Amino acid sequence: MGDQGKELRLIAMAKSGWVWLHEKTGLPWWSTLVAGAVVIRAATFPLCLYGQYHADKLSSLAPELERIRAYVSRSSGTTVQKIRTFRRLRQELLKRSSSSSLKVVPYGKLVHIPLFITAAASVRRLAFQRYPGFESEGISWFKDLAAPDPWYILPIVNSAILIANTENSLKANEKPSLNSSKRSLGDLANSLRDPQIVDWMKIILQGMTILVFPLISHLPSGVVFFWTVNSLLNALQQTLLIGKGKRYVGLYNRTELLAQSKGLADSLFHDINTSVEDARLQLSRIQKFVMEYSKEPVRMFQEFLLNERRSKRLSLPLSAEIRKDETTGKDYVAIVMASPDEEDSSSKA
């Protein structure tokens, strides 16, 4: 009962918003519904723009991710080690490109859908209550916004736009240029770009649109008109975000994004090789020291490590200890990775 009360209060607030907009603007009700749909779409558009920008950016990293995959596959190690290495390098690549899977979450849709449902429910409430002006401030053949469309034109137009929007949205996702990112990114959104899955989704979504047509045709004209305007605005938004209108809203096309991300993998490989070479130099100096100093090796080695750290030529947390060879029984100096406590104590010394 409490949840229902909250829902009713929410719809009542939305209804009050419609009345306020109608009275403040002095527009007829059909124009008020158009204005309300524009306001809702405009309020959520920045979130949609943000998500689309990062979705395009993440998709453009597919070639670089494939290069990392090839690099890891050629490296030595077990399969588990290679998987861990690839994941670590992938995260580093995403970090360097300022990308993240969380940034491509469709926040705009997640916000817009409940707003649209609430607004449509409040329009339906206005129609059922026969709010003043609702029966006469329609337009053309649907003057009465509280009654269903007598010619079924609005339901037909709305269904056609919904089907077209579904077609365009899924078509954008099945572009071959995006398929390579499916396996690399491994997330659900990209797996849905598989052509067979896209075809099934198209059939299901368009079939649902046809099945709900009888329900739409019996709704008040005001509700269907508001829904139709929202569908038209959604089509315009798709054109701006995933169509030829990208440039007008500040989005880069795929060629530009590929050019921006090109070379990120090379930069990553260079840093890896530099780190490996630096580690080799550090170990080479250590080996040379061990060969030159055979007396009191542990003490001499610890002094050497301390000097190397002070001169900032050593960053590896190494230490030395005497161990006994199980086969020969002879003692030898073992170079080991020091624990954090040992490293702290040695640095204080």
Protein backbone atom coordinates (compact mmCIF):
# COMPACT_ATOMS: atom_id res chain seq x y z
CA MET A 1 0.00 0.00 0.00
CA GLY A 2 2.88 2.34 0.83
CA ASP A 3 4.56 1.71 -2.55
CA GLN A 4 1.27 2.30 -4.35
CA GLY A 5 0.81 5.58 -2.49
CA LYS A 6 4.28 6.69 -3.50
CA GLU A 7 3.54 5.81 -7.12
CA LEU A 8 0.27 7.74 -7.05
CA ARG A 9 1.97 10.74 -5.48
CA LEU A 10 4.63 10.61 -8.18
CA ILE A 11 1.98 10.58 -10.90
CA ALA A 12 0.13 13.38 -9.12
CA MET A 13 3.32 15.44 -9.10
CA ALA A 14 3.81 14.80 -12.82
CA LYS A 15 0.18 15.78 -13.47
CA SER A 16 0.74 19.03 -11.57
CA GLY A 17 3.79 19.62 -13.75
CA TRP A 18 1.70 19.26 -16.90
CA VAL A 19 -0.93 21.67 -15.56
CA TRP A 20 1.76 24.18 -14.56
CA LEU A 21 3.38 24.02 -18.01
CA HIS A 22 -0.01 24.40 -19.70
CA GLU A 23 -1.00 27.42 -17.61
CA LYS A 24 2.38 29.19 -17.68
CA THR A 25 2.90 28.87 -21.43
CA GLY A 26 -0.73 29.39 -22.45
CA LEU A 27 -0.27 26.73 -25.12
CA PRO A 28 -3.10 24.40 -26.14
CA TRP A 29 -2.85 20.94 -24.68
CA TRP A 30 -1.43 19.30 -27.80
CA SER A 31 1.42 21.87 -27.85
CA THR A 32 1.93 21.40 -24.12
CA LEU A 33 2.42 17.67 -24.67
CA VAL A 34 4.99 18.40 -27.37
CA ALA A 35 6.81 20.86 -25.11
CA GLY A 36 6.84 18.38 -22.23
CA ALA A 37 8.28 15.63 -24.42
CA VAL A 38 11.01 18.01 -25.62
CA VAL A 39 11.87 19.04 -22.05
CA ILE A 40 12.17 15.42 -20.88
CA ARG A 41 14.28 14.43 -23.87
CA ALA A 42 16.51 17.51 -23.51
CA ALA A 43 17.03 16.80 -19.81
CA THR A 44 18.33 13.28 -20.47
CA PHE A 45 20.22 14.02 -23.70
CA PRO A 46 23.52 14.98 -21.98
CA LEU A 47 23.61 11.56 -20.28
CA CYS A 48 22.96 9.83 -23.61
CA LEU A 49 25.68 11.94 -25.24
CA TYR A 50 28.13 11.02 -22.48
CA GLY A 51 27.42 7.30 -22.80
CA GLN A 52 27.63 7.31 -26.60
CA TYR A 53 30.94 9.18 -26.57
CA HIS A 54 32.55 6.60 -24.30
CA ALA A 55 30.90 3.70 -26.16
CA ASP A 56 32.45 4.93 -29.42
CA LYS A 57 35.77 5.47 -27.69
CA LEU A 58 35.76 1.99 -26.17
CA SER A 59 34.84 0.45 -29.51
CA SER A 60 37.75 2.22 -31.24
CA LEU A 61 40.19 0.41 -28.94
CA ALA A 62 39.38 -2.94 -30.57
CA PRO A 63 42.43 -2.93 -32.93
CA GLU A 64 44.77 -2.07 -30.05
CA LEU A 65 43.26 -4.81 -27.90
CA GLU A 66 43.79 -7.32 -30.71
CA ARG A 67 47.45 -6.27 -30.88
CA ILE A 68 47.76 -6.83 -27.14
CA ARG A 69 46.11 -10.23 -27.52
CA ALA A 70 48.62 -11.19 -30.22
CA TYR A 71 51.51 -9.88 -28.09
CA VAL A 72 50.42 -11.95 -25.09
CA SER A 73 49.84 -15.09 -27.18
CA ARG A 74 53.45 -14.92 -28.43
CA SER A 75 54.85 -14.54 -24.92
CA SER A 76 55.96 -17.45 -22.75
CA GLY A 77 53.94 -18.75 -19.83
CA THR A 78 50.96 -20.91 -19.07
CA THR A 79 47.45 -20.20 -20.32
CA VAL A 80 46.40 -18.86 -16.93
CA GLN A 81 49.41 -16.54 -16.83
CA LYS A 82 48.64 -15.27 -20.32
CA ILE A 83 45.02 -14.58 -19.38
CA ARG A 84 46.11 -12.62 -16.32
CA THR A 85 48.67 -10.70 -18.35
CA PHE A 86 46.10 -9.83 -21.00
CA ARG A 87 43.62 -8.60 -18.40
CA ARG A 88 46.27 -6.48 -16.72
CA LEU A 89 47.38 -4.95 -20.03
CA ARG A 90 43.77 -4.39 -21.06
CA GLN A 91 43.08 -2.48 -17.86
CA GLU A 92 46.21 -0.41 -18.41
CA LEU A 93 45.10 0.36 -21.98
CA LEU A 94 41.66 1.46 -20.77
CA LYS A 95 43.30 3.62 -18.12
CA ARG A 96 45.57 5.33 -20.64
CA SER A 97 42.67 6.02 -22.97
CA SER A 98 40.49 7.32 -20.09
CA SER A 99 37.94 4.62 -20.91
CA SER A 100 35.92 2.34 -18.67
CA SER A 101 33.10 -0.16 -19.04
CA LEU A 102 31.16 1.80 -16.40
CA LYS A 103 31.19 4.89 -18.61
CA VAL A 104 29.22 3.16 -21.37
CA VAL A 105 26.28 2.25 -19.14
CA PRO A 106 23.16 3.77 -20.81
CA TYR A 107 22.47 6.21 -17.99
CA GLY A 108 20.37 8.36 -20.32
CA LYS A 109 17.94 5.53 -21.04
CA LEU A 110 17.89 4.43 -17.41
CA VAL A 111 16.76 7.93 -16.43
CA HIS A 112 14.53 8.65 -19.43
CA ILE A 113 12.42 5.47 -19.32
CA PRO A 114 10.98 6.01 -15.81
CA LEU A 115 10.46 9.71 -16.60
CA PHE A 116 8.59 8.83 -19.79
CA ILE A 117 6.43 6.19 -18.08
CA THR A 118 5.54 8.59 -15.26
CA ALA A 119 4.75 11.41 -17.70
CA ALA A 120 2.61 9.13 -19.90
CA ALA A 121 0.74 7.79 -16.86
CA SER A 122 0.02 11.34 -15.71
CA VAL A 123 -1.29 12.28 -19.18
CA ARG A 124 -3.53 9.22 -19.04
CA ARG A 125 -4.80 10.40 -15.64
CA LEU A 126 -5.57 13.85 -17.08
CA ALA A 127 -7.48 12.21 -19.93
CA PHE A 128 -9.54 9.98 -17.63
CA GLN A 129 -10.36 12.93 -15.40
CA ARG A 130 -11.48 14.94 -18.44
CA TYR A 131 -9.28 17.84 -17.38
CA PRO A 132 -10.54 21.20 -18.75
CA GLY A 133 -9.37 21.68 -22.32
CA PHE A 134 -8.35 18.06 -22.84
CA GLU A 135 -11.51 17.33 -24.84
CA SER A 136 -11.13 20.29 -27.20
CA GLU A 137 -7.44 21.30 -27.41
CA GLY A 138 -6.29 18.53 -29.69
CA ILE A 139 -5.35 19.07 -33.32
CA SER A 140 -6.53 17.93 -36.72
CA TRP A 141 -8.49 14.66 -36.57
CA PHE A 142 -7.91 14.07 -32.82
CA LYS A 143 -9.46 17.15 -31.26
CA ASP A 144 -10.47 15.15 -28.18
CA LEU A 145 -7.25 14.14 -26.40
CA ALA A 146 -9.24 12.15 -23.84
CA ALA A 147 -10.72 9.78 -26.44
CA PRO A 148 -8.95 7.09 -28.51
CA ASP A 149 -7.93 8.00 -32.05
CA PRO A 150 -11.05 7.26 -34.15
CA TRP A 151 -8.98 6.62 -37.30
CA TYR A 152 -6.13 4.67 -35.62
CA ILE A 153 -3.65 6.96 -37.36
CA LEU A 154 -1.65 7.84 -34.25
CA PRO A 155 -1.22 4.19 -33.13
CA ILE A 156 -0.14 3.19 -36.65
CA VAL A 157 2.34 6.08 -36.94
CA ASN A 158 3.71 5.44 -33.47
CA SER A 159 4.17 1.71 -34.13
CA ALA A 160 5.89 2.43 -37.45
CA ILE A 161 8.31 4.85 -35.77
CA LEU A 162 9.03 2.35 -32.98
CA ILE A 163 9.83 -0.37 -35.53
CA ALA A 164 12.07 2.02 -37.49
CA ASN A 165 13.89 3.09 -34.32
CA THR A 166 14.47 -0.54 -33.39
CA GLU A 167 15.78 -1.27 -36.88
CA ASN A 168 18.18 1.69 -36.84
CA SER A 169 19.44 1.00 -33.33
CA LEU A 170 20.18 -2.66 -34.01
CA LYS A 171 21.66 -1.89 -37.42
CA ALA A 172 24.18 0.43 -35.76
CA ASN A 173 25.23 -2.41 -33.44
CA GLU A 174 25.75 -4.99 -36.17
CA LYS A 175 28.35 -3.01 -38.13
CA PRO A 176 31.30 -5.30 -39.04
CA SER A 177 33.79 -2.70 -37.80
CA LEU A 178 32.59 -3.27 -34.26
CA ASN A 179 32.66 -7.06 -34.28
CA SER A 180 36.33 -7.30 -33.38
CA SER A 181 35.66 -5.56 -30.08
CA LYS A 182 33.20 -8.27 -29.08
CA ARG A 183 35.75 -10.88 -28.14
CA SER A 184 38.28 -8.41 -26.80
CA LEU A 185 36.04 -6.50 -24.43
CA GLY A 186 34.00 -9.54 -23.49
CA ASP A 187 31.03 -7.64 -22.11
CA LEU A 188 27.36 -8.27 -22.71
CA ALA A 189 26.75 -5.14 -24.74
CA ASN A 190 29.34 -6.12 -27.32
CA SER A 191 28.25 -9.76 -27.42
CA LEU A 192 24.84 -8.53 -28.56
CA ARG A 193 26.48 -7.30 -31.76
CA ASP A 194 26.57 -10.83 -33.13
CA PRO A 195 24.53 -10.74 -36.38
CA GLN A 196 22.40 -13.77 -35.45
CA ILE A 197 21.56 -12.33 -32.02
CA VAL A 198 20.77 -8.97 -33.61
CA ASP A 199 18.35 -10.65 -36.03
CA TRP A 200 16.57 -12.45 -33.19
CA MET A 201 16.36 -9.26 -31.14
CA LYS A 202 14.94 -7.45 -34.15
CA ILE A 203 12.22 -10.07 -34.61
CA ILE A 204 11.34 -10.10 -30.89
CA LEU A 205 11.23 -6.32 -30.43
CA GLN A 206 9.34 -5.63 -33.63
CA GLY A 207 6.95 -8.48 -32.84
CA MET A 208 6.28 -6.99 -29.41
CA THR A 209 5.51 -3.64 -31.06
CA ILE A 210 2.91 -5.29 -33.27
CA LEU A 211 1.42 -7.26 -30.38
CA VAL A 212 0.88 -4.15 -28.23
CA PHE A 213 -0.82 -2.28 -31.10
CA PRO A 214 -4.34 -3.22 -29.92
CA LEU A 215 -3.49 -1.85 -26.47
CA ILE A 216 -2.11 1.38 -27.92
CA SER A 217 -5.14 1.87 -30.15
CA HIS A 218 -7.44 1.97 -27.10
CA LEU A 219 -5.39 4.53 -25.18
CA PRO A 220 -6.49 8.19 -25.08
CA SER A 221 -5.22 10.19 -28.06
CA GLY A 222 -3.28 12.47 -25.72
CA VAL A 223 -1.21 9.55 -24.42
CA VAL A 224 -0.54 8.12 -27.89
CA PHE A 225 0.29 11.59 -29.25
CA PHE A 226 2.78 12.19 -26.43
CA TRP A 227 4.27 8.73 -27.09
CA THR A 228 4.52 9.45 -30.82
CA VAL A 229 6.30 12.76 -30.23
CA ASN A 230 8.70 11.00 -27.87
CA SER A 231 9.37 8.35 -30.54
CA LEU A 232 10.09 11.06 -33.12
CA LEU A 233 12.51 12.75 -30.73
CA ASN A 234 14.17 9.39 -30.12
CA ALA A 235 14.64 8.98 -33.87
CA LEU A 236 16.24 12.44 -34.01
CA GLN A 237 18.48 11.55 -31.09
CA GLN A 238 19.61 8.36 -32.81
CA THR A 239 20.51 10.39 -35.90
CA LEU A 240 22.62 12.72 -33.77
CA LEU A 241 24.31 10.03 -31.68
CA ILE A 242 24.79 7.07 -34.02
CA GLY A 243 24.03 8.55 -37.43
CA LYS A 244 25.34 11.30 -39.66
CA GLY A 245 24.62 14.00 -37.08
CA LYS A 246 27.51 13.03 -34.78
CA ARG A 247 29.51 16.07 -35.82
CA TYR A 248 26.77 18.47 -34.76
CA VAL A 249 26.81 17.29 -31.14
CA GLY A 250 30.59 17.10 -30.78
CA LEU A 251 31.04 13.35 -31.29
CA TYR A 252 33.97 12.00 -33.28
CA ASN A 253 33.46 9.62 -36.17
CA ARG A 254 35.05 6.18 -36.03
CA THR A 255 38.00 7.14 -38.25
CA GLU A 256 38.96 9.99 -35.92
CA LEU A 257 38.64 7.81 -32.82
CA LEU A 258 40.78 5.08 -34.40
CA ALA A 259 43.44 7.69 -35.17
CA GLN A 260 43.37 8.89 -31.55
CA SER A 261 43.72 5.39 -30.09
CA LYS A 262 46.36 4.26 -32.60
CA GLY A 263 49.73 3.81 -30.97
CA LEU A 264 48.44 3.23 -27.44
CA ALA A 265 49.47 -0.43 -27.63
CA ASP A 266 52.93 0.54 -28.93
CA SER A 267 53.33 2.93 -26.02
CA LEU A 268 52.32 0.16 -23.64
CA PHE A 269 54.75 -2.31 -25.23
CA HIS A 270 57.55 0.28 -25.04
CA ASP A 271 56.98 0.82 -21.33
CA ILE A 272 56.93 -2.95 -20.75
CA ASN A 273 60.22 -3.41 -22.62
CA THR A 274 61.75 -0.48 -20.74
CA SER A 275 60.72 -2.01 -17.41
CA VAL A 276 62.10 -5.41 -18.41
CA GLU A 277 65.38 -3.88 -19.56
CA ASP A 278 65.66 -1.88 -16.35
CA ALA A 279 65.11 -5.05 -14.32
CA ARG A 280 67.79 -6.83 -16.35
CA LEU A 281 70.29 -4.05 -15.68
CA GLN A 282 69.54 -4.17 -11.96
CA LEU A 283 70.00 -7.95 -11.86
CA SER A 284 73.17 -7.68 -13.96
CA ARG A 285 74.77 -5.30 -11.44
CA ILE A 286 73.75 -7.63 -8.63
CA GLN A 287 75.25 -10.67 -10.35
CA LYS A 288 78.48 -8.77 -10.96
CA PHE A 289 78.66 -7.84 -7.29
CA VAL A 290 78.08 -11.44 -6.18
CA MET A 291 80.86 -12.64 -8.47
CA GLU A 292 83.33 -10.04 -7.14
CA TYR A 293 82.59 -10.42 -3.45
CA SER A 294 82.67 -13.94 -2.11
CA LYS A 295 83.66 -13.13 1.49
CA GLU A 296 80.82 -12.36 3.86
CA PRO A 297 78.42 -12.38 0.94
CA VAL A 298 75.20 -11.67 2.84
CA ARG A 299 76.53 -8.60 4.68
CA MET A 300 78.23 -7.26 1.59
CA PHE A 301 75.17 -7.87 -0.49
CA GLN A 302 72.87 -6.07 1.97
CA GLU A 303 75.23 -3.08 1.95
CA PHE A 304 75.23 -3.15 -1.81
CA LEU A 305 71.43 -3.17 -1.91
CA LEU A 306 71.27 -0.26 0.51
CA ASN A 307 73.64 1.80 -1.65
CA GLU A 308 71.73 0.91 -4.78
CA ARG A 309 68.45 2.00 -3.22
CA ARG A 310 69.93 5.25 -1.96
CA SER A 311 71.19 6.05 -5.45
CA LYS A 312 67.72 5.11 -6.79
CA ARG A 313 69.24 2.60 -9.19
CA LEU A 314 67.35 -0.26 -7.56
CA SER A 315 63.60 -0.50 -7.19
CA LEU A 316 63.19 -4.27 -6.86
CA PRO A 317 62.49 -5.40 -3.24
CA LEU A 318 65.40 -7.85 -3.09
CA SER A 319 67.23 -9.40 -0.16
CA ALA A 320 69.85 -12.12 0.39
CA GLU A 321 70.07 -15.13 2.63
CA ILE A 322 72.21 -18.25 3.06
CA ARG A 323 70.55 -21.46 1.93
CA LYS A 324 71.75 -25.06 1.73
CA ASP A 325 71.61 -26.99 -1.50
CA GLU A 326 69.55 -30.14 -0.87
CA THR A 327 71.54 -32.12 -3.42
CA THR A 328 75.14 -31.16 -2.62
CA GLY A 329 74.68 -29.94 0.96
CA LYS A 330 76.69 -26.80 0.18
CA ASP A 331 75.71 -23.33 1.30
CA TYR A 332 74.90 -20.71 -1.29
CA VAL A 333 73.67 -17.13 -1.41
CA ALA A 334 70.03 -16.90 -2.50
CA ILE A 335 68.64 -13.64 -3.90
CA VAL A 336 64.99 -13.43 -2.86
CA MET A 337 62.14 -10.96 -2.96
CA ALA A 338 62.05 -9.25 0.43
CA SER A 339 58.83 -9.05 2.42
CA PRO A 340 57.46 -5.55 3.14
CA ASP A 341 58.66 -5.75 6.78
CA GLU A 342 62.18 -6.73 5.77
CA GLU A 343 62.30 -3.99 3.18
CA ASP A 344 61.19 -1.36 5.69
CA SER A 345 63.79 -2.47 8.22
CA SER A 346 66.58 -2.48 5.65
CA SER A 347 65.68 0.99 4.43
CA LYS A 348 65.72 2.29 8.03
CA ALA A 349 69.16 0.77 8.52
